[in-house]
Amino acid sequence: MGREITLAVNPAAGRGRAAAAGGRAAGELRAAGFQVREEVGADAADAVARMRAAVADGTAAVVAVGGDGMVSLALQAVAGTDTPLGVVAVGTGNDFARANGLPVKDPAAAGRTLARALAEGRTRRIDLGRVGDTWFGTVLASGFDSRVNDRGNRMRFPGGRFRYDAAMLAELAALRPIPYTVAFDDAPEQQVEATLIAVGNGTSYGGGMRICAGARPDDGLFDVCVVGPCSRTTLLRVFPRVYRGTHTAHPVVTVHRAARVRLSAAGVTGYADGEPLGPLPLTARTVPGALHLLV
C-alpha cells in the first residue's frame, strides 16, 4: 500500500474541534512514516471533488475527519473503488464509527488505529446503501424523524442538540400517521400507515439511537424498522428504548429485511447519514462490499 494519505477535514464538525483533531491524527500517521496531504473543501461539493481527485491520483487512503456528514461526503468519493476509507470521528453523532467499532472522539487513537491498519493492509469490506447516485452508510430516515430534521434545519434557536429536542416537541404536537406505499425487493407494493420508516445499513442515527438495532453492514440486506401509527403517549414511551435497541419488541414496531426498498409518501423528505436526499418516492438498494474500511 502507498504511503501518501489524503486527510479530508470538516473544520466545522464537533463545533470546530475537527481541525485540531485532524492535526493530532495526522501527527500519528506521520510518526508512522506516512505522508499526509490535508484537504479542506470550501463547501460540500468542493470537498467531494477534492477527494475524488485524490482517489483518481492514486492516494493510498482517504481519511474523513469530522462527523457522519463528513463520512457521507467521503463515501461519494471512495464507494465502489479500491481506495480504502479511514475515519477520525469527532462530530456530534458519529454513528458510522460506532457501528463499525472505530474510536470516537479520540483523534490520537484513531490516528494510531489507521496507521496500523495501513501498515498491515487491514481493511473490512462492508455494504453501503445507495439511492440514485448517492451512497449512505448508516440509516435512511423518513417520516416523523425526517420531519424533525426538516424543522430543526429551519430553526435558528436554540443550538446544538437542544434544537433537535425543540424540533421533536414541535413535531409531537403535529403527530399523525403517514400513508406510505412500500415495496420490499420484488414483492408487490403495500399500503401502510406509519409514524416512520427507517432503512438501516447500519444500526443507529442521531448520535446513538439504535433504530435498526439488528442491522449488519456486511450481510447484503437492510433492516427496515416500521413504527406503526401510535399516540404521542406511546411514542414517548417507546422512544427511550431506541437507545438500547429494545423498541423492536414493542407491538407497534415491525422489522423487515430486504436488499431493495421502495418508499413513497406525500410531503416526506428522506434523509440518509443525516443529510437530505430529497422528497419521497425513493428507492434504496444495498451494494454488497462497496466500501473498503480501514479497521
C-alpha atoms as a PDB file:
ATOM      1  CA  MET A   1       0.000   0.000   0.000  1.00  0.00           C
ATOM      2  CA  GLY A   2       1.265   3.502  -0.825  1.00  0.00           C
ATOM      3  CA  ARG A   3       2.465   5.985   1.769  1.00  0.00           C
ATOM      4  CA  GLU A   4       0.534   9.152   0.861  1.00  0.00           C
ATOM      5  CA  ILE A   5      -2.738   9.625   2.716  1.00  0.00           C
ATOM      6  CA  THR A   6      -5.412  12.227   1.991  1.00  0.00           C
ATOM      7  CA  LEU A   7      -6.883  13.730   5.154  1.00  0.00           C
ATOM      8  CA  ALA A   8     -10.218  15.421   4.412  1.00  0.00           C
ATOM      9  CA  VAL A   9     -11.259  17.744   7.228  1.00  0.00           C
ATOM     10  CA  ASN A  10     -14.593  19.360   8.020  1.00  0.00           C
ATOM     11  CA  PRO A  11     -13.409  22.270  10.200  1.00  0.00           C
ATOM     12  CA  ALA A  12     -16.967  22.944  11.433  1.00  0.00           C
ATOM     13  CA  ALA A  13     -17.557  19.419  12.771  1.00  0.00           C
ATOM     14  CA  GLY A  14     -17.679  18.936  16.521  1.00  0.00           C
ATOM     15  CA  ARG A  15     -18.215  22.701  16.953  1.00  0.00           C
ATOM     16  CA  GLY A  16     -14.818  23.411  15.457  1.00  0.00           C
ATOM     17  CA  ARG A  17     -12.887  20.552  17.059  1.00  0.00           C
ATOM     18  CA  ALA A  18     -12.257  18.737  13.767  1.00  0.00           C
ATOM     19  CA  ALA A  19      -9.418  20.994  12.615  1.00  0.00           C
ATOM     20  CA  ALA A  20      -7.384  20.318  15.776  1.00  0.00           C
ATOM     21  CA  ALA A  21      -8.379  16.638  15.693  1.00  0.00           C
ATOM     22  CA  GLY A  22      -7.133  16.377  12.131  1.00  0.00           C
ATOM     23  CA  GLY A  23      -3.771  17.698  13.247  1.00  0.00           C
ATOM     24  CA  ARG A  24      -3.490  15.097  16.008  1.00  0.00           C
ATOM     25  CA  ALA A  25      -4.460  12.231  13.707  1.00  0.00           C
ATOM     26  CA  ALA A  26      -2.058  13.492  11.031  1.00  0.00           C
ATOM     27  CA  GLY A  27       0.713  13.584  13.614  1.00  0.00           C
ATOM     28  CA  GLU A  28       0.191   9.899  14.439  1.00  0.00           C
ATOM     29  CA  LEU A  29       0.201   8.981  10.753  1.00  0.00           C
ATOM     30  CA  ARG A  30       3.352  10.988  10.032  1.00  0.00           C
ATOM     31  CA  ALA A  31       5.073   9.440  13.037  1.00  0.00           C
ATOM     32  CA  ALA A  32       4.338   6.046  11.473  1.00  0.00           C
ATOM     33  CA  GLY A  33       6.070   7.127   8.263  1.00  0.00           C
ATOM     34  CA  PHE A  34       3.107   8.165   6.119  1.00  0.00           C
ATOM     35  CA  GLN A  35       2.881  11.327   4.064  1.00  0.00           C
ATOM     36  CA  VAL A  36      -0.314  13.223   4.836  1.00  0.00           C
ATOM     37  CA  ARG A  37      -1.950  15.700   2.494  1.00  0.00           C
ATOM     38  CA  GLU A  38      -4.708  17.692   4.181  1.00  0.00           C
ATOM     39  CA  GLU A  39      -7.686  18.856   2.139  1.00  0.00           C
ATOM     40  CA  VAL A  40     -10.289  21.329   3.377  1.00  0.00           C
ATOM     41  CA  GLY A  41     -13.136  21.913   0.950  1.00  0.00           C
ATOM     42  CA  ALA A  42     -14.753  25.314   0.552  1.00  0.00           C
ATOM     43  CA  ASP A  43     -18.132  23.584   0.681  1.00  0.00           C
ATOM     44  CA  ALA A  44     -19.580  20.060   0.371  1.00  0.00           C
ATOM     45  CA  ALA A  45     -19.281  19.901  -3.416  1.00  0.00           C
ATOM     46  CA  ASP A  46     -15.689  21.127  -3.318  1.00  0.00           C
ATOM     47  CA  ALA A  47     -14.797  18.618  -0.601  1.00  0.00           C
ATOM     48  CA  VAL A  48     -16.164  15.721  -2.662  1.00  0.00           C
ATOM     49  CA  ALA A  49     -14.367  16.984  -5.776  1.00  0.00           C
ATOM     50  CA  ARG A  50     -11.060  17.153  -3.878  1.00  0.00           C
ATOM     51  CA  MET A  51     -11.490  13.629  -2.530  1.00  0.00           C
ATOM     52  CA  ARG A  52     -12.425  12.263  -5.942  1.00  0.00           C
ATOM     53  CA  ALA A  53      -9.330  13.885  -7.424  1.00  0.00           C
ATOM     54  CA  ALA A  54      -7.183  12.287  -4.715  1.00  0.00           C
ATOM     55  CA  VAL A  55      -8.697   8.873  -5.484  1.00  0.00           C
ATOM     56  CA  ALA A  56      -8.012   9.380  -9.200  1.00  0.00           C
ATOM     57  CA  ASP A  57      -4.411  10.366  -8.375  1.00  0.00           C
ATOM     58  CA  GLY A  58      -3.894   7.076  -6.517  1.00  0.00           C
ATOM     59  CA  THR A  59      -3.948   8.159  -2.872  1.00  0.00           C
ATOM     60  CA  ALA A  60      -3.365   5.218  -0.516  1.00  0.00           C
ATOM     61  CA  ALA A  61      -6.451   6.128   1.529  1.00  0.00           C
ATOM     62  CA  VAL A  62      -8.960   8.876   2.189  1.00  0.00           C
ATOM     63  CA  VAL A  63      -9.416   9.721   5.862  1.00  0.00           C
ATOM     64  CA  ALA A  64     -12.579  11.643   6.800  1.00  0.00           C
ATOM     65  CA  VAL A  65     -12.171  13.880   9.864  1.00  0.00           C
ATOM     66  CA  GLY A  66     -15.488  15.031  11.291  1.00  0.00           C
ATOM     67  CA  GLY A  67     -18.882  13.500  11.884  1.00  0.00           C
ATOM     68  CA  ASP A  68     -21.327  11.450   9.869  1.00  0.00           C
ATOM     69  CA  GLY A  69     -21.787  14.299   7.403  1.00  0.00           C
ATOM     70  CA  MET A  70     -18.090  14.240   6.519  1.00  0.00           C
ATOM     71  CA  VAL A  71     -18.142  10.445   6.247  1.00  0.00           C
ATOM     72  CA  SER A  72     -21.110  10.784   3.896  1.00  0.00           C
ATOM     73  CA  LEU A  73     -19.121  13.132   1.643  1.00  0.00           C
ATOM     74  CA  ALA A  74     -16.165  10.745   1.653  1.00  0.00           C
ATOM     75  CA  LEU A  75     -18.399   7.831   0.655  1.00  0.00           C
ATOM     76  CA  GLN A  76     -19.343   9.689  -2.522  1.00  0.00           C
ATOM     77  CA  ALA A  77     -15.638   9.670  -3.472  1.00  0.00           C
ATOM     78  CA  VAL A  78     -14.453   6.200  -2.418  1.00  0.00           C
ATOM     79  CA  ALA A  79     -17.508   3.916  -2.691  1.00  0.00           C
ATOM     80  CA  GLY A  80     -17.127   1.342  -5.412  1.00  0.00           C
ATOM     81  CA  THR A  81     -13.362   1.942  -5.712  1.00  0.00           C
ATOM     82  CA  ASP A  82     -10.348   0.122  -4.276  1.00  0.00           C
ATOM     83  CA  THR A  83      -9.357   3.169  -2.211  1.00  0.00           C
ATOM     84  CA  PRO A  84      -9.938   2.486   1.495  1.00  0.00           C
ATOM     85  CA  LEU A  85     -11.687   4.888   3.847  1.00  0.00           C
ATOM     86  CA  GLY A  86     -10.424   5.829   7.289  1.00  0.00           C
ATOM     87  CA  VAL A  87     -12.484   7.730   9.849  1.00  0.00           C
ATOM     88  CA  VAL A  88     -11.468  10.124  12.610  1.00  0.00           C
ATOM     89  CA  ALA A  89     -14.833  10.538  14.326  1.00  0.00           C
ATOM     90  CA  VAL A  90     -15.080  13.887  16.114  1.00  0.00           C
ATOM     91  CA  GLY A  91     -18.550  15.050  15.099  1.00  0.00           C
ATOM     92  CA  THR A  92     -21.793  15.221  17.031  1.00  0.00           C
ATOM     93  CA  GLY A  93     -23.344  11.877  16.093  1.00  0.00           C
ATOM     94  CA  ASN A  94     -20.526   9.580  14.914  1.00  0.00           C
ATOM     95  CA  ASP A  95     -22.955   6.741  14.227  1.00  0.00           C
ATOM     96  CA  PHE A  96     -20.923   5.314  11.341  1.00  0.00           C
ATOM     97  CA  ALA A  97     -17.826   4.975  13.534  1.00  0.00           C
ATOM     98  CA  ARG A  98     -19.773   3.460  16.426  1.00  0.00           C
ATOM     99  CA  ALA A  99     -21.459   0.891  14.205  1.00  0.00           C
ATOM    100  CA  ASN A 100     -18.079  -0.236  12.881  1.00  0.00           C
ATOM    101  CA  GLY A 101     -16.190  -0.324  16.175  1.00  0.00           C
ATOM    102  CA  LEU A 102     -13.930   2.665  15.436  1.00  0.00           C
ATOM    103  CA  PRO A 103     -12.572   5.144  18.014  1.00  0.00           C
ATOM    104  CA  VAL A 104     -14.940   8.016  18.782  1.00  0.00           C
ATOM    105  CA  LYS A 105     -13.793  11.487  19.878  1.00  0.00           C
ATOM    106  CA  ASP A 106     -10.223  10.262  20.339  1.00  0.00           C
ATOM    107  CA  PRO A 107      -8.289  11.503  17.294  1.00  0.00           C
ATOM    108  CA  ALA A 108      -4.896  10.275  18.514  1.00  0.00           C
ATOM    109  CA  ALA A 109      -6.266   6.745  18.996  1.00  0.00           C
ATOM    110  CA  ALA A 110      -7.967   6.948  15.616  1.00  0.00           C
ATOM    111  CA  GLY A 111      -4.673   8.025  14.008  1.00  0.00           C
ATOM    112  CA  ARG A 112      -2.817   5.114  15.600  1.00  0.00           C
ATOM    113  CA  THR A 113      -5.542   2.679  14.518  1.00  0.00           C
ATOM    114  CA  LEU A 114      -5.328   3.977  10.955  1.00  0.00           C
ATOM    115  CA  ALA A 115      -1.525   3.775  10.913  1.00  0.00           C
ATOM    116  CA  ARG A 116      -1.609   0.118  11.997  1.00  0.00           C
ATOM    117  CA  ALA A 117      -4.355  -0.745   9.526  1.00  0.00           C
ATOM    118  CA  LEU A 118      -2.491   0.934   6.675  1.00  0.00           C
ATOM    119  CA  ALA A 119       0.819  -0.707   7.590  1.00  0.00           C
ATOM    120  CA  GLU A 120      -0.799  -4.133   7.696  1.00  0.00           C
ATOM    121  CA  GLY A 121      -3.161  -3.577   4.755  1.00  0.00           C
ATOM    122  CA  ARG A 122      -6.060  -4.354   7.080  1.00  0.00           C
ATOM    123  CA  THR A 123      -9.477  -3.421   5.710  1.00  0.00           C
ATOM    124  CA  ARG A 124     -13.001  -4.724   6.070  1.00  0.00           C
ATOM    125  CA  ARG A 125     -15.380  -4.888   3.141  1.00  0.00           C
ATOM    126  CA  ILE A 126     -18.766  -3.531   4.119  1.00  0.00           C
ATOM    127  CA  ASP A 127     -22.031  -2.874   2.326  1.00  0.00           C
ATOM    128  CA  LEU A 128     -23.398   0.545   1.533  1.00  0.00           C
ATOM    129  CA  GLY A 129     -26.849   1.761   0.684  1.00  0.00           C
ATOM    130  CA  ARG A 130     -27.495   3.695  -2.493  1.00  0.00           C
ATOM    131  CA  VAL A 131     -30.331   5.984  -3.572  1.00  0.00           C
ATOM    132  CA  GLY A 132     -29.841   7.092  -7.155  1.00  0.00           C
ATOM    133  CA  ASP A 133     -26.211   8.222  -7.282  1.00  0.00           C
ATOM    134  CA  THR A 134     -25.957   8.907  -3.535  1.00  0.00           C
ATOM    135  CA  TRP A 135     -24.268   6.430  -1.185  1.00  0.00           C
ATOM    136  CA  PHE A 136     -25.029   6.072   2.523  1.00  0.00           C
ATOM    137  CA  GLY A 137     -23.526   4.060   5.351  1.00  0.00           C
ATOM    138  CA  THR A 138     -25.938   4.279   8.278  1.00  0.00           C
ATOM    139  CA  VAL A 139     -29.703   4.885   8.100  1.00  0.00           C
ATOM    140  CA  LEU A 140     -32.188   6.335   5.635  1.00  0.00           C
ATOM    141  CA  ALA A 141     -34.849   8.121   7.708  1.00  0.00           C
ATOM    142  CA  SER A 142     -38.357   9.001   6.603  1.00  0.00           C
ATOM    143  CA  GLY A 143     -41.430  10.156   8.481  1.00  0.00           C
ATOM    144  CA  PHE A 144     -41.527  11.614  11.986  1.00  0.00           C
ATOM    145  CA  ASP A 145     -37.729  11.560  12.321  1.00  0.00           C
ATOM    146  CA  SER A 146     -37.106  13.248   8.984  1.00  0.00           C
ATOM    147  CA  ARG A 147     -39.755  15.871   9.747  1.00  0.00           C
ATOM    148  CA  VAL A 148     -37.899  16.615  12.984  1.00  0.00           C
ATOM    149  CA  ASN A 149     -34.782  17.120  10.865  1.00  0.00           C
ATOM    150  CA  ASP A 150     -36.687  19.362   8.468  1.00  0.00           C
ATOM    151  CA  ARG A 151     -37.961  21.516  11.317  1.00  0.00           C
ATOM    152  CA  GLY A 152     -34.596  21.579  13.092  1.00  0.00           C
ATOM    153  CA  ASN A 153     -32.866  22.742   9.910  1.00  0.00           C
ATOM    154  CA  ARG A 154     -35.295  25.661   9.682  1.00  0.00           C
ATOM    155  CA  MET A 155     -34.761  26.725  13.299  1.00  0.00           C
ATOM    156  CA  ARG A 156     -32.151  29.296  14.318  1.00  0.00           C
ATOM    157  CA  PHE A 157     -32.578  28.856  18.058  1.00  0.00           C
ATOM    158  CA  PRO A 158     -31.702  27.003  20.253  1.00  0.00           C
ATOM    159  CA  GLY A 159     -28.381  25.486  19.158  1.00  0.00           C
ATOM    160  CA  GLY A 160     -26.839  22.020  19.264  1.00  0.00           C
ATOM    161  CA  ARG A 161     -28.861  19.048  20.493  1.00  0.00           C
ATOM    162  CA  PHE A 162     -31.377  21.398  22.131  1.00  0.00           C
ATOM    163  CA  ARG A 163     -32.513  22.399  18.649  1.00  0.00           C
ATOM    164  CA  TYR A 164     -33.282  18.740  17.845  1.00  0.00           C
ATOM    165  CA  ASP A 165     -35.187  18.372  21.129  1.00  0.00           C
ATOM    166  CA  ALA A 166     -37.211  21.527  20.455  1.00  0.00           C
ATOM    167  CA  ALA A 167     -37.988  20.367  16.917  1.00  0.00           C
ATOM    168  CA  MET A 168     -39.110  16.984  18.250  1.00  0.00           C
ATOM    169  CA  LEU A 169     -41.518  18.590  20.723  1.00  0.00           C
ATOM    170  CA  ALA A 170     -42.999  20.719  17.952  1.00  0.00           C
ATOM    171  CA  GLU A 171     -43.442  17.689  15.679  1.00  0.00           C
ATOM    172  CA  LEU A 172     -45.035  15.705  18.516  1.00  0.00           C
ATOM    173  CA  ALA A 173     -47.744  18.342  18.677  1.00  0.00           C
ATOM    174  CA  ALA A 174     -48.471  17.715  14.979  1.00  0.00           C
ATOM    175  CA  LEU A 175     -48.100  13.907  15.159  1.00  0.00           C
ATOM    176  CA  ARG A 176     -50.299  11.952  12.775  1.00  0.00           C
ATOM    177  CA  PRO A 177     -49.934   8.689  10.832  1.00  0.00           C
ATOM    178  CA  ILE A 178     -48.374   8.939   7.372  1.00  0.00           C
ATOM    179  CA  PRO A 179     -49.846   6.907   4.486  1.00  0.00           C
ATOM    180  CA  TYR A 180     -46.950   5.083   2.790  1.00  0.00           C
ATOM    181  CA  THR A 181     -46.660   2.890  -0.255  1.00  0.00           C
ATOM    182  CA  VAL A 182     -43.865   0.372   0.410  1.00  0.00           C
ATOM    183  CA  ALA A 183     -42.301  -2.470  -1.570  1.00  0.00           C
ATOM    184  CA  PHE A 184     -39.589  -4.864  -0.395  1.00  0.00           C
ATOM    185  CA  ASP A 185     -37.436  -6.445  -3.102  1.00  0.00           C
ATOM    186  CA  ASP A 186     -39.734  -7.936  -5.772  1.00  0.00           C
ATOM    187  CA  ALA A 187     -42.815  -8.206  -3.545  1.00  0.00           C
ATOM    188  CA  PRO A 188     -45.956  -6.276  -4.533  1.00  0.00           C
ATOM    189  CA  GLU A 189     -46.432  -2.772  -3.222  1.00  0.00           C
ATOM    190  CA  GLN A 190     -48.377  -2.477   0.013  1.00  0.00           C
ATOM    191  CA  GLN A 191     -50.177   0.428   1.600  1.00  0.00           C
ATOM    192  CA  VAL A 192     -49.263   1.046   5.238  1.00  0.00           C
ATOM    193  CA  GLU A 193     -49.797   3.794   7.756  1.00  0.00           C
ATOM    194  CA  ALA A 194     -46.722   4.505   9.840  1.00  0.00           C
ATOM    195  CA  THR A 195     -45.182   7.073  12.124  1.00  0.00           C
ATOM    196  CA  LEU A 196     -41.806   6.499  10.494  1.00  0.00           C
ATOM    197  CA  ILE A 197     -39.912   4.022   8.331  1.00  0.00           C
ATOM    198  CA  ALA A 198     -36.126   3.723   8.761  1.00  0.00           C
ATOM    199  CA  VAL A 199     -33.941   1.751   6.344  1.00  0.00           C
ATOM    200  CA  GLY A 200     -30.741   0.640   8.074  1.00  0.00           C
ATOM    201  CA  ASN A 201     -27.445  -0.370   6.545  1.00  0.00           C
ATOM    202  CA  GLY A 202     -26.033   0.472   9.995  1.00  0.00           C
ATOM    203  CA  THR A 203     -27.663   0.287  13.387  1.00  0.00           C
ATOM    204  CA  SER A 204     -28.100   3.865  14.543  1.00  0.00           C
ATOM    205  CA  TYR A 205     -28.645   7.509  13.751  1.00  0.00           C
ATOM    206  CA  GLY A 206     -28.965  10.737  15.708  1.00  0.00           C
ATOM    207  CA  GLY A 207     -25.964  10.040  17.952  1.00  0.00           C
ATOM    208  CA  GLY A 208     -26.728   6.537  19.202  1.00  0.00           C
ATOM    209  CA  MET A 209     -30.436   5.937  18.565  1.00  0.00           C
ATOM    210  CA  ARG A 210     -30.334   2.246  17.596  1.00  0.00           C
ATOM    211  CA  ILE A 211     -33.401   2.414  15.372  1.00  0.00           C
ATOM    212  CA  CYS A 212     -32.242  -0.570  13.258  1.00  0.00           C
ATOM    213  CA  ALA A 213     -30.557  -2.418  16.109  1.00  0.00           C
ATOM    214  CA  GLY A 214     -30.144  -5.713  14.248  1.00  0.00           C
ATOM    215  CA  ALA A 215     -28.628  -4.282  11.069  1.00  0.00           C
ATOM    216  CA  ARG A 216     -25.296  -5.666   9.907  1.00  0.00           C
ATOM    217  CA  PRO A 217     -23.208  -3.821   7.322  1.00  0.00           C
ATOM    218  CA  ASP A 218     -21.881  -6.987   5.699  1.00  0.00           C
ATOM    219  CA  ASP A 219     -24.903  -9.205   5.063  1.00  0.00           C
ATOM    220  CA  GLY A 220     -26.206  -7.669   1.831  1.00  0.00           C
ATOM    221  CA  LEU A 221     -29.527  -6.667   3.414  1.00  0.00           C
ATOM    222  CA  PHE A 222     -31.151  -3.666   5.034  1.00  0.00           C
ATOM    223  CA  ASP A 223     -33.012  -3.873   8.316  1.00  0.00           C
ATOM    224  CA  VAL A 224     -36.186  -1.836   7.818  1.00  0.00           C
ATOM    225  CA  CYS A 225     -37.851  -0.579  11.005  1.00  0.00           C
ATOM    226  CA  VAL A 226     -41.511   0.382  10.629  1.00  0.00           C
ATOM    227  CA  VAL A 227     -43.082   2.230  13.555  1.00  0.00           C
ATOM    228  CA  GLY A 228     -46.812   1.976  13.010  1.00  0.00           C
ATOM    229  CA  PRO A 229     -49.476   4.534  13.906  1.00  0.00           C
ATOM    230  CA  CYS A 230     -49.200   5.480  17.563  1.00  0.00           C
ATOM    231  CA  SER A 231     -50.270   8.142  20.012  1.00  0.00           C
ATOM    232  CA  ARG A 232     -47.964  10.756  21.472  1.00  0.00           C
ATOM    233  CA  THR A 233     -48.003   8.853  24.750  1.00  0.00           C
ATOM    234  CA  THR A 234     -46.961   5.607  23.069  1.00  0.00           C
ATOM    235  CA  LEU A 235     -44.226   7.295  21.056  1.00  0.00           C
ATOM    236  CA  LEU A 236     -42.825   8.953  24.191  1.00  0.00           C
ATOM    237  CA  ARG A 237     -42.915   5.587  25.964  1.00  0.00           C
ATOM    238  CA  VAL A 238     -41.176   3.755  23.118  1.00  0.00           C
ATOM    239  CA  PHE A 239     -38.644   6.465  22.243  1.00  0.00           C
ATOM    240  CA  PRO A 240     -36.218   5.987  25.181  1.00  0.00           C
ATOM    241  CA  ARG A 241     -35.964   2.289  24.298  1.00  0.00           C
ATOM    242  CA  VAL A 242     -34.452   3.215  20.925  1.00  0.00           C
ATOM    243  CA  TYR A 243     -31.115   3.966  22.619  1.00  0.00           C
ATOM    244  CA  ARG A 244     -30.955   0.351  23.837  1.00  0.00           C
ATOM    245  CA  GLY A 245     -32.413  -1.104  20.658  1.00  0.00           C
ATOM    246  CA  THR A 246     -35.206  -2.792  22.629  1.00  0.00           C
ATOM    247  CA  HIS A 247     -38.002  -0.831  20.944  1.00  0.00           C
ATOM    248  CA  THR A 248     -38.309  -3.579  18.314  1.00  0.00           C
ATOM    249  CA  ALA A 249     -40.131  -5.762  20.862  1.00  0.00           C
ATOM    250  CA  HIS A 250     -42.996  -3.256  21.126  1.00  0.00           C
ATOM    251  CA  PRO A 251     -46.186  -4.300  19.260  1.00  0.00           C
ATOM    252  CA  VAL A 252     -46.259  -1.048  17.269  1.00  0.00           C
ATOM    253  CA  VAL A 253     -42.841  -1.834  15.716  1.00  0.00           C
ATOM    254  CA  THR A 254     -42.132  -4.330  12.930  1.00  0.00           C
ATOM    255  CA  VAL A 255     -38.785  -5.130  11.282  1.00  0.00           C
ATOM    256  CA  HIS A 256     -38.301  -6.334   7.716  1.00  0.00           C
ATOM    257  CA  ARG A 257     -35.149  -7.395   5.861  1.00  0.00           C
ATOM    258  CA  ALA A 258     -34.631  -6.613   2.199  1.00  0.00           C
ATOM    259  CA  ALA A 259     -31.960  -5.719  -0.339  1.00  0.00           C
ATOM    260  CA  ARG A 260     -34.163  -3.139  -2.065  1.00  0.00           C
ATOM    261  CA  VAL A 261     -36.807  -0.887  -0.536  1.00  0.00           C
ATOM    262  CA  ARG A 262     -39.146   1.472  -2.347  1.00  0.00           C
ATOM    263  CA  LEU A 263     -40.845   4.186  -0.259  1.00  0.00           C
ATOM    264  CA  SER A 264     -43.484   6.660  -1.318  1.00  0.00           C
ATOM    265  CA  ALA A 265     -45.373   9.183   0.821  1.00  0.00           C
ATOM    266  CA  ALA A 266     -46.594  12.705   0.188  1.00  0.00           C
ATOM    267  CA  GLY A 267     -44.829  15.554   1.955  1.00  0.00           C
ATOM    268  CA  VAL A 268     -41.982  13.444   3.376  1.00  0.00           C
ATOM    269  CA  THR A 269     -38.263  14.090   2.869  1.00  0.00           C
ATOM    270  CA  GLY A 270     -35.749  11.251   3.013  1.00  0.00           C
ATOM    271  CA  TYR A 271     -32.522  11.741   4.975  1.00  0.00           C
ATOM    272  CA  ALA A 272     -29.513   9.412   4.819  1.00  0.00           C
ATOM    273  CA  ASP A 273     -26.499   9.726   7.142  1.00  0.00           C
ATOM    274  CA  GLY A 274     -28.285  12.815   8.464  1.00  0.00           C
ATOM    275  CA  GLU A 275     -28.200  14.554   5.085  1.00  0.00           C
ATOM    276  CA  PRO A 276     -31.308  15.333   2.965  1.00  0.00           C
ATOM    277  CA  LEU A 277     -31.818  13.131  -0.085  1.00  0.00           C
ATOM    278  CA  GLY A 278     -34.979  14.800  -1.336  1.00  0.00           C
ATOM    279  CA  PRO A 279     -38.690  14.083  -1.250  1.00  0.00           C
ATOM    280  CA  LEU A 280     -40.153  10.602  -1.472  1.00  0.00           C
ATOM    281  CA  PRO A 281     -40.642   8.476  -3.566  1.00  0.00           C
ATOM    282  CA  LEU A 282     -37.156   6.995  -3.185  1.00  0.00           C
ATOM    283  CA  THR A 283     -35.680   3.566  -3.840  1.00  0.00           C
ATOM    284  CA  ALA A 284     -32.783   2.353  -1.706  1.00  0.00           C
ATOM    285  CA  ARG A 285     -30.704  -0.698  -2.561  1.00  0.00           C
ATOM    286  CA  THR A 286     -27.776  -2.401  -0.890  1.00  0.00           C
ATOM    287  CA  VAL A 287     -24.464  -2.699  -2.689  1.00  0.00           C
ATOM    288  CA  PRO A 288     -22.560  -5.549  -1.012  1.00  0.00           C
ATOM    289  CA  GLY A 289     -18.904  -4.934  -0.283  1.00  0.00           C
ATOM    290  CA  ALA A 290     -18.965  -1.445  -1.791  1.00  0.00           C
ATOM    291  CA  LEU A 291     -16.501   0.019   0.719  1.00  0.00           C
ATOM    292  CA  HIS A 292     -13.013  -0.919   1.914  1.00  0.00           C
ATOM    293  CA  LEU A 293     -12.958   0.363   5.516  1.00  0.00           C
ATOM    294  CA  LEU A 294      -9.728   0.718   7.495  1.00  0.00           C
ATOM    295  CA  VAL A 295     -10.281  -1.035  10.825  1.00  0.00           C
END
